[in-house]
Protein backbone atom coordinates (compact mmCIF):
# COMPACT_ATOMS: atom_id res chain seq x y z
CA MET A 1 -180.85 -12.60 108.46
CA ASP A 2 -182.02 -10.18 110.80
CA LYS A 3 -185.15 -10.22 110.86
CA HIS A 4 -185.50 -14.62 109.88
CA GLU A 5 -185.00 -16.06 113.37
CA THR A 6 -183.85 -19.66 112.80
CA TYR A 7 -185.02 -22.33 114.74
CA SER A 8 -181.17 -23.03 116.67
CA GLN A 9 -181.53 -18.86 118.16
CA ARG A 10 -185.20 -19.71 119.03
CA THR A 11 -183.76 -22.75 121.59
CA SER A 12 -181.25 -23.64 123.39
CA THR A 13 -179.06 -26.15 121.48
CA GLU A 14 -177.26 -27.60 124.27
CA ASP A 15 -179.62 -30.06 125.39
CA SER A 16 -182.30 -30.45 121.76
CA PRO A 17 -182.44 -33.59 120.01
CA LEU A 18 -180.32 -33.66 117.31
CA TRP A 19 -183.31 -34.22 114.43
CA GLU A 20 -184.58 -31.08 116.08
CA LEU A 21 -181.86 -28.92 114.30
CA ALA A 22 -181.55 -31.25 111.45
CA PHE A 23 -184.95 -29.80 110.20
CA GLU A 24 -183.09 -26.48 108.89
CA TYR A 25 -180.61 -28.32 107.26
CA PRO A 26 -182.38 -29.69 103.75
CA PRO A 27 -183.76 -26.63 102.54
CA LEU A 28 -180.37 -24.64 103.29
CA TYR A 29 -178.07 -27.70 101.05
CA GLU A 30 -181.10 -27.32 98.25
CA ALA A 31 -180.42 -23.32 98.16
CA LEU A 32 -177.11 -24.06 98.25
CA GLU A 33 -177.03 -26.46 95.30
CA GLY A 34 -178.66 -23.67 93.28
CA LEU A 35 -175.93 -21.66 94.07
CA PHE A 36 -173.59 -23.77 93.11
CA ILE A 37 -175.02 -24.53 89.64
CA GLU A 38 -175.71 -20.87 88.94
CA ALA A 39 -171.99 -20.25 89.95
CA SER A 40 -170.86 -22.53 87.16
CA GLU A 41 -173.13 -21.04 84.04
CA ILE A 42 -172.37 -17.37 84.94
CA SER A 43 -169.39 -15.58 83.35
CA ALA A 44 -170.27 -12.50 84.41
CA PRO A 45 -167.97 -10.87 87.25
CA GLU A 46 -170.50 -8.99 88.70
CA THR A 47 -172.78 -11.64 89.03
CA LEU A 48 -170.35 -14.24 89.81
CA LYS A 49 -169.40 -11.97 92.49
CA GLY A 50 -172.68 -11.87 94.10
CA ILE A 51 -173.52 -15.37 94.26
CA ILE A 52 -170.22 -15.80 95.80
CA HIS A 53 -170.58 -13.38 98.28
CA ALA A 54 -174.14 -15.17 99.10
CA TYR A 55 -172.40 -18.31 99.70
CA GLN A 56 -169.84 -17.42 102.37
CA LYS A 57 -172.06 -14.96 104.27
CA THR A 58 -174.39 -18.32 104.53
CA GLU A 59 -171.10 -20.46 105.69
CA GLU A 60 -170.19 -17.54 107.73
CA GLU A 61 -173.72 -16.63 109.45
CA THR A 62 -176.36 -19.13 108.18
CA PHE A 63 -174.38 -22.42 109.75
CA LYS A 64 -173.33 -20.73 112.66
CA ASN A 65 -176.76 -19.86 113.59
CA ILE A 66 -178.67 -23.00 112.74
CA ALA A 67 -176.43 -25.37 114.87
CA PHE A 68 -176.82 -28.41 113.07
CA GLU A 69 -173.12 -28.79 111.97
CA THR A 70 -171.49 -28.29 115.00
CA THR A 71 -174.05 -29.81 117.72
CA LEU A 72 -173.29 -32.94 115.00
CA ASN A 73 -169.87 -32.49 115.42
CA ASP A 74 -169.65 -31.81 119.28
CA ARG A 75 -171.99 -35.22 119.44
CA PHE A 76 -171.18 -37.19 116.79
CA GLY A 77 -167.82 -35.53 114.66
CA HIS A 78 -166.23 -39.20 115.17
CA ASN A 79 -168.91 -40.66 113.40
CA VAL A 80 -168.81 -38.08 110.94
CA LYS A 81 -165.29 -38.79 110.05
CA GLU A 82 -165.51 -42.16 109.24
CA ILE A 83 -168.00 -41.52 106.54
CA LEU A 84 -166.28 -38.97 105.04
CA ARG A 85 -163.30 -41.40 105.50
CA LEU A 86 -165.08 -44.45 104.18
CA LEU A 87 -166.44 -41.78 100.60
CA ASN A 88 -162.60 -40.80 100.24
CA GLU A 89 -160.30 -43.39 100.99
CA THR A 90 -162.22 -46.64 100.10
CA HIS A 91 -160.12 -48.49 97.42
CA GLY A 92 -161.39 -48.57 93.86
CA SER A 93 -164.41 -46.44 94.65
CA THR A 94 -165.36 -42.77 94.02
CA PHE A 95 -167.96 -40.57 95.07
CA THR A 96 -168.33 -37.37 93.86
CA PRO A 97 -171.16 -34.71 93.20
CA LYS A 98 -173.91 -35.16 91.26
CA ARG A 99 -175.81 -32.62 90.76
CA VAL A 100 -173.36 -29.50 91.10
CA PRO A 101 -169.65 -29.08 88.97
CA LEU A 102 -166.99 -29.63 90.79
CA GLY A 103 -164.21 -26.98 90.39
CA LEU A 104 -165.94 -24.20 91.83
CA ASP A 105 -163.07 -21.43 93.55
CA PHE A 106 -165.12 -20.40 96.40
CA ILE A 107 -165.25 -24.14 97.56
CA THR A 108 -163.44 -26.62 98.23
CA ASP A 109 -164.35 -30.20 96.40
CA GLU A 110 -164.09 -31.30 99.81
CA ARG A 111 -165.81 -29.04 101.41
CA GLN A 112 -168.87 -29.68 98.53
CA LEU A 113 -168.85 -32.89 100.28
CA GLU A 114 -169.13 -32.76 103.56
CA LEU A 115 -171.87 -30.76 103.02
CA ILE A 116 -173.66 -33.83 100.97
CA VAL A 117 -172.73 -35.74 103.53
CA LEU A 118 -174.48 -33.55 106.08
CA ASN A 119 -177.59 -33.19 103.93
CA ILE A 120 -178.00 -37.10 103.93
CA ILE A 121 -177.29 -37.40 107.47
CA ALA A 122 -180.09 -34.26 108.42
CA GLY A 123 -182.53 -36.16 106.29
CA ALA A 124 -182.18 -39.74 107.49
CA LEU A 125 -182.24 -38.23 111.44
CA ILE A 126 -185.72 -36.49 110.06
CA ALA A 127 -187.43 -39.76 108.70
CA TYR A 128 -186.08 -42.06 111.27
CA HIS A 129 -187.04 -39.70 114.36
CA ILE A 130 -190.02 -37.32 113.34
CA PRO A 131 -191.96 -39.02 109.62
CA GLU A 132 -195.13 -37.50 111.16
CA VAL A 133 -194.27 -33.94 109.45
CA TYR A 134 -194.18 -35.44 105.87
CA LYS A 135 -197.97 -36.84 106.56
CA GLU A 136 -199.22 -38.13 103.41
CA ASP A 137 -195.70 -38.42 101.13
CA GLY A 138 -194.29 -40.45 104.84
CA LYS A 139 -197.58 -42.94 104.46
CA ASN A 140 -196.77 -43.13 100.54
CA ALA A 141 -192.84 -43.80 101.56
CA GLY A 142 -193.61 -46.39 103.99
CA ALA A 143 -192.19 -44.12 106.95
CA LEU A 144 -196.10 -43.82 108.31
CA LYS A 145 -199.11 -46.16 109.00
CA GLN A 146 -202.36 -45.10 109.40
CA LEU A 147 -204.18 -46.08 113.07
CA TYR A 148 -207.14 -48.22 112.78
CA PRO A 149 -209.84 -49.28 115.05
CA SER A 150 -208.61 -51.77 116.94
CA GLU A 151 -211.02 -54.74 117.43
CA LYS A 152 -212.49 -54.05 120.82
CA VAL A 153 -213.23 -50.82 119.16
CA ILE A 154 -214.69 -52.69 116.20
CA LYS A 155 -216.97 -54.97 118.37
CA LEU A 156 -218.41 -52.24 120.78
CA SER A 157 -219.12 -49.94 118.05
CA GLN A 158 -221.26 -52.91 116.92
CA LYS A 159 -223.12 -53.20 119.81
CA LEU A 160 -223.62 -49.75 119.79
CA TYR A 161 -225.02 -49.21 116.57
CA LYS A 162 -227.16 -52.47 116.42
CA ALA A 163 -228.78 -50.57 120.03
CA ILE A 164 -229.36 -47.42 118.48
CA ARG A 165 -231.15 -48.88 115.18
CA ASP A 166 -233.26 -51.31 117.44
CA ASP A 167 -234.50 -48.27 119.72
CA ARG A 168 -235.14 -46.26 116.53
CA LEU A 169 -233.04 -43.40 118.41
CA TRP A 170 -232.21 -40.29 115.91
CA VAL A 171 -228.28 -39.83 116.30
CA GLY A 172 -227.86 -37.52 113.52
CA ASP A 173 -224.58 -38.04 111.62
CA PHE A 174 -222.96 -40.12 114.41
CA LYS A 175 -225.17 -42.90 112.85
CA HIS A 176 -222.52 -42.81 109.69
CA SER A 177 -219.79 -42.26 111.55
CA LEU A 178 -220.30 -45.39 114.14
CA TRP A 179 -221.43 -47.48 111.24
CA ASP A 180 -217.66 -46.52 109.86
CA LEU A 181 -216.03 -47.64 112.88
CA SER A 182 -217.98 -50.86 113.27
CA GLN A 183 -216.35 -51.56 110.12
CA GLY A 184 -212.65 -51.23 110.96
CA GLU A 185 -212.37 -47.96 109.10
CA PRO A 186 -210.65 -44.99 110.90
CA LEU A 187 -212.62 -41.37 110.93
CA GLU A 188 -209.78 -39.27 110.65
CA THR A 189 -206.33 -39.48 108.86
CA GLN A 190 -203.96 -40.00 111.49
CA LEU A 191 -200.41 -41.12 110.46
CA LEU A 192 -198.12 -42.94 112.82
CA ARG A 193 -194.28 -44.19 113.00
CA PRO A 194 -194.16 -48.08 113.61
CA GLU A 195 -192.37 -48.41 116.19
CA LYS A 196 -190.83 -51.69 115.38
CA PRO A 197 -187.30 -51.96 115.36
CA GLN A 198 -186.90 -53.69 112.19
CA THR A 199 -189.73 -50.86 110.56
CA LYS A 200 -187.46 -47.69 111.32
CA LEU A 201 -183.84 -49.27 110.31
CA GLU A 202 -185.80 -49.46 106.90
CA CYS A 203 -187.39 -46.16 106.96
CA LEU A 204 -183.99 -45.34 107.67
CA ILE A 205 -182.04 -46.57 105.12
CA LYS A 206 -184.14 -45.95 102.44
CA GLU A 207 -183.60 -42.57 102.92
CA ILE A 208 -180.60 -42.72 102.84
CA THR A 209 -179.92 -44.60 99.46
CA LEU A 210 -182.41 -42.20 97.87
CA LEU A 211 -180.48 -39.09 99.60
CA SER A 212 -177.18 -40.67 98.30
CA GLU A 213 -178.39 -41.67 94.67
CA ARG A 214 -179.99 -38.11 94.35
CA HIS A 215 -176.73 -36.10 95.23
CA LEU A 216 -173.99 -38.95 94.46
CA THR A 217 -172.07 -40.44 91.77
CA MET A 218 -171.03 -43.58 93.28
CA ARG A 219 -168.64 -45.92 91.75
CA THR A 220 -167.41 -48.96 93.80
CA LYS A 221 -166.38 -52.65 93.21
CA GLY A 222 -169.72 -53.50 94.37
CA LYS A 223 -172.72 -52.19 92.94
CA GLY A 224 -172.53 -48.44 93.08
CA ARG A 225 -174.28 -47.46 96.04
CA PHE A 226 -173.39 -45.82 99.38
CA PRO A 227 -171.18 -47.65 101.56
CA THR A 228 -172.77 -49.86 103.44
CA LEU A 229 -170.52 -49.57 106.25
CA ALA A 230 -171.14 -45.30 106.37
CA VAL A 231 -174.71 -46.43 106.67
CA ILE A 232 -173.83 -48.01 109.81
CA GLU A 233 -172.51 -45.18 110.83
CA ILE A 234 -175.65 -42.98 110.58
CA SER A 235 -177.62 -45.72 112.83
CA LYS A 236 -175.28 -44.77 115.29
CA ILE A 237 -175.80 -40.87 115.18
CA VAL A 238 -179.71 -41.93 115.06
CA GLN A 239 -179.41 -43.93 117.93
CA HIS A 240 -180.94 -47.45 116.21
CA PHE A 241 -181.14 -50.18 118.78
CA PRO A 242 -180.01 -52.93 117.80
CA LYS A 243 -177.27 -52.12 116.11
CA PRO A 244 -177.17 -53.57 112.26
CA ASP A 245 -174.47 -55.00 110.86
CA VAL A 246 -173.69 -55.28 107.26
CA ARG A 247 -175.32 -58.70 106.21
CA THR A 248 -178.74 -56.59 107.68
CA VAL A 249 -178.52 -53.41 106.17
CA SER A 250 -177.14 -54.46 102.70
CA PRO A 251 -180.21 -56.59 101.32
CA ILE A 252 -182.46 -53.27 102.66
CA GLN A 253 -179.99 -51.09 100.18
CA LYS A 254 -180.35 -53.45 97.31
CA LYS A 255 -183.79 -53.55 97.45
CA HIS A 256 -184.26 -49.52 97.76
CA ALA A 257 -181.70 -48.63 95.18
CA LYS A 258 -182.27 -47.56 91.41
CA LYS A 259 -185.63 -46.73 92.77
CA TYR A 260 -185.01 -43.79 90.10
CA LYS A 261 -189.13 -42.76 90.28
CA GLU A 262 -188.84 -42.11 94.18
CA GLU A 263 -187.59 -39.04 95.81
CA PRO A 264 -186.76 -38.88 99.16
CA LEU A 265 -188.61 -37.63 101.57
CA ALA A 266 -186.30 -34.89 102.54
CA THR A 267 -187.30 -32.99 99.79
CA LYS A 268 -191.08 -33.03 100.68
CA TRP A 269 -190.70 -30.92 103.53
CA THR A 270 -191.23 -27.05 102.60
CA ARG A 271 -191.67 -25.29 106.33
CA PHE A 272 -188.01 -24.75 106.85
CA PHE A 273 -186.09 -21.89 106.97
CA VAL A 274 -184.04 -20.75 104.06
CA PRO A 275 -182.25 -17.35 104.49
CA PRO A 276 -183.98 -14.59 102.08
CA ASP A 277 -180.85 -13.88 99.93
CA LEU A 278 -180.31 -17.29 99.20
């Protein structure tokens, strides 16, 4: 750990946007899931002892160092508690870890659920605020759009292309680029996040839906989906405006639910910090 500074160690977290601190959480959680699965399959005492030690060290040192959980609870602790309440106390519904076993003696089932919720929130923050890091994956997921030449650029390019051709001027490869612009084609990949609130909200809900389906087994009276009210709590954490209601959120959840061939964006970002002993 001493040789691998986290983002939180290199910067002051007091004024940092929460999404900046969230970057380090998803790969850490994925690594922890690997530990939990490995621990459930191993009976050799010494090997199991090493796994438990790695987890305890991560809880004691890494989570504290990356500061995401602490800062999230400082700023939005009441929202996190409400999400956990909705998962734990919703009448007739159960939300249990899907990819990791319950009943491990070195971590409570409640803490496992907390870690999953933190991972969902972290992924949602990144997908909502800075989907540019996902590049083509972000474009394919609808979180990013290619920037195309405007009508103004197209018309000016057409005029200049015609003038160059009329003058029989040699301009090398510039002529090919100018032709592309005149046809409304971009010269470079330039992916931008759509700024329309409804588009940003849909990106947020899609990421929450895919992450919750990846990590939770959900049995509910409704459609087996992450609680709509919990999605609204996360929208408060990312500070989406205008505040959505159940009638807005529920149809978008339904649209993106049960897309088993799609993976959440959080699983596609690899340049995160992961402790070397994990």
